[in-house]
Amino acid sequence: MTPERRKKAEMSLNQRKTISAEDVQVVEQGEFAEDVAEYAREKIAALTGYTSDPIVAAQVRLVRHPDPAMSEPVVVTASLELSGRTAHAHAAASSGRIAVDAVAHRLRRQLIDGGRN
């Protein structure tokens, strides 16, 4: 790649600070209400406002364990690839929406902190 093309590609990446809900990859394992995957996409896509770094990719995994005795049978994990770093979060809850909310909150906190521990 020529230096000019590389600079254009970097500028394009830096200008792209938002991802849409359609860009968020969601994988479901187990049974969920129809709207949970879309809810996860929207909550994760909304995190773009909390970072100046472009979010390059976003993945969410929704898992419902089949054991009815579990008090928190839903586990949600998510990761955001930003230019230069990755943010990860996971949460367990009694429902998909509650777990998605917890994961979104944890990722938002990481983005606000700028990756500092």
Protein backbone atom coordinates (compact mmCIF):
# COMPACT_ATOMS: atom_id res chain seq x y z
CA MET A 1 0.00 0.00 0.00
CA THR A 2 1.34 3.38 -0.92
CA PRO A 3 1.82 5.99 1.81
CA GLU A 4 -1.00 8.07 0.33
CA ARG A 5 -3.45 5.16 0.35
CA ARG A 6 -2.42 4.23 3.90
CA LYS A 7 -2.98 7.79 5.09
CA LYS A 8 -6.41 7.86 3.40
CA ALA A 9 -7.35 4.56 5.02
CA GLU A 10 -6.23 5.77 8.45
CA MET A 11 -8.13 9.02 8.03
CA SER A 12 -11.24 7.11 7.00
CA LEU A 13 -10.94 4.86 10.06
CA ASN A 14 -10.44 7.82 12.38
CA GLN A 15 -13.43 9.64 10.91
CA ARG A 16 -15.66 6.62 11.44
CA LYS A 17 -16.52 6.99 15.10
CA THR A 18 -19.86 5.29 15.01
CA ILE A 19 -21.08 1.83 14.33
CA SER A 20 -24.69 1.08 13.63
CA ALA A 21 -26.80 -1.58 15.30
CA GLU A 22 -26.47 -3.66 12.11
CA ASP A 23 -22.67 -3.68 12.55
CA VAL A 24 -22.88 -5.41 15.96
CA GLN A 25 -22.50 -9.17 15.61
CA VAL A 26 -24.75 -11.13 17.97
CA VAL A 27 -24.59 -14.87 18.57
CA GLU A 28 -27.34 -16.57 20.57
CA GLN A 29 -27.09 -19.90 22.34
CA GLY A 30 -30.33 -21.05 23.91
CA GLU A 31 -33.81 -19.58 23.75
CA PHE A 32 -34.37 -15.82 23.91
CA ALA A 33 -37.26 -13.50 23.19
CA GLU A 34 -37.20 -12.23 19.62
CA ASP A 35 -36.18 -8.70 20.58
CA VAL A 36 -33.20 -9.48 22.84
CA ALA A 37 -30.64 -9.67 20.03
CA GLU A 38 -31.84 -6.37 18.56
CA TYR A 39 -31.85 -4.81 22.03
CA ALA A 40 -28.21 -5.91 22.47
CA ARG A 41 -27.26 -4.45 19.08
CA GLU A 42 -28.83 -1.10 19.92
CA LYS A 43 -27.32 -0.88 23.43
CA ILE A 44 -23.82 -1.70 22.18
CA ALA A 45 -24.03 0.61 19.15
CA ALA A 46 -25.08 3.45 21.47
CA LEU A 47 -21.70 3.23 23.23
CA THR A 48 -19.98 5.07 20.39
CA GLY A 49 -20.77 8.36 22.09
CA TYR A 50 -18.50 7.48 25.03
CA THR A 51 -15.20 7.27 23.16
CA SER A 52 -13.21 9.41 20.78
CA ASP A 53 -11.64 6.26 19.31
CA PRO A 54 -13.49 4.63 16.44
CA ILE A 55 -15.13 1.33 17.28
CA VAL A 56 -13.91 -1.01 14.57
CA ALA A 57 -15.99 -4.07 15.53
CA ALA A 58 -18.43 -5.20 18.20
CA GLN A 59 -19.46 -8.71 19.18
CA VAL A 60 -22.04 -9.94 21.69
CA ARG A 61 -22.70 -13.49 22.82
CA LEU A 62 -25.96 -14.35 24.56
CA VAL A 63 -26.09 -17.70 26.37
CA ARG A 64 -29.09 -19.11 28.23
CA HIS A 65 -28.27 -22.14 30.37
CA PRO A 66 -31.08 -24.69 30.35
CA ASP A 67 -30.94 -25.49 34.09
CA PRO A 68 -34.15 -24.05 35.63
CA ALA A 69 -32.57 -24.10 39.10
CA MET A 70 -30.06 -21.40 38.15
CA SER A 71 -30.99 -17.98 39.56
CA GLU A 72 -29.00 -16.24 36.79
CA PRO A 73 -29.22 -18.52 33.75
CA VAL A 74 -28.30 -15.84 31.18
CA VAL A 75 -24.68 -14.92 30.51
CA VAL A 76 -23.80 -12.12 28.12
CA THR A 77 -20.26 -11.40 26.95
CA ALA A 78 -19.30 -8.54 24.68
CA SER A 79 -16.18 -7.06 23.19
CA LEU A 80 -15.46 -3.83 21.37
CA GLU A 81 -12.45 -3.47 19.12
CA LEU A 82 -11.22 0.10 19.14
CA SER A 83 -8.20 1.43 17.33
CA GLY A 84 -5.36 0.30 19.55
CA ARG A 85 -7.29 -1.57 22.28
CA THR A 86 -10.13 -3.93 23.06
CA ALA A 87 -12.79 -3.60 25.74
CA HIS A 88 -14.44 -6.73 27.17
CA ALA A 89 -17.28 -7.27 29.61
CA HIS A 90 -19.54 -10.05 30.79
CA ALA A 91 -22.50 -10.38 33.12
CA ALA A 92 -24.90 -13.02 34.38
CA ALA A 93 -28.54 -12.23 35.14
CA SER A 94 -32.05 -13.63 35.31
CA SER A 95 -32.99 -12.22 31.88
CA GLY A 96 -31.34 -11.27 28.61
CA ARG A 97 -32.19 -7.58 28.87
CA ILE A 98 -30.83 -7.28 32.42
CA ALA A 99 -27.57 -8.98 31.40
CA VAL A 100 -27.25 -6.79 28.29
CA ASP A 101 -27.81 -3.67 30.41
CA ALA A 102 -25.08 -4.77 32.83
CA VAL A 103 -22.61 -5.49 30.02
CA ALA A 104 -23.36 -2.16 28.33
CA HIS A 105 -22.81 -0.35 31.65
CA ARG A 106 -19.46 -2.09 32.19
CA LEU A 107 -18.29 -1.32 28.66
CA ARG A 108 -19.42 2.30 29.00
CA ARG A 109 -17.38 2.59 32.21
CA GLN A 110 -14.30 1.24 30.40
CA LEU A 111 -14.76 3.68 27.52
CA ILE A 112 -15.19 6.62 29.89
CA ASP A 113 -12.08 5.59 31.83
CA GLY A 114 -10.18 5.36 28.54
CA GLY A 115 -8.85 1.88 29.24
CA ARG A 116 -7.23 2.86 32.53
CA ASN A 117 -7.43 0.31 35.34
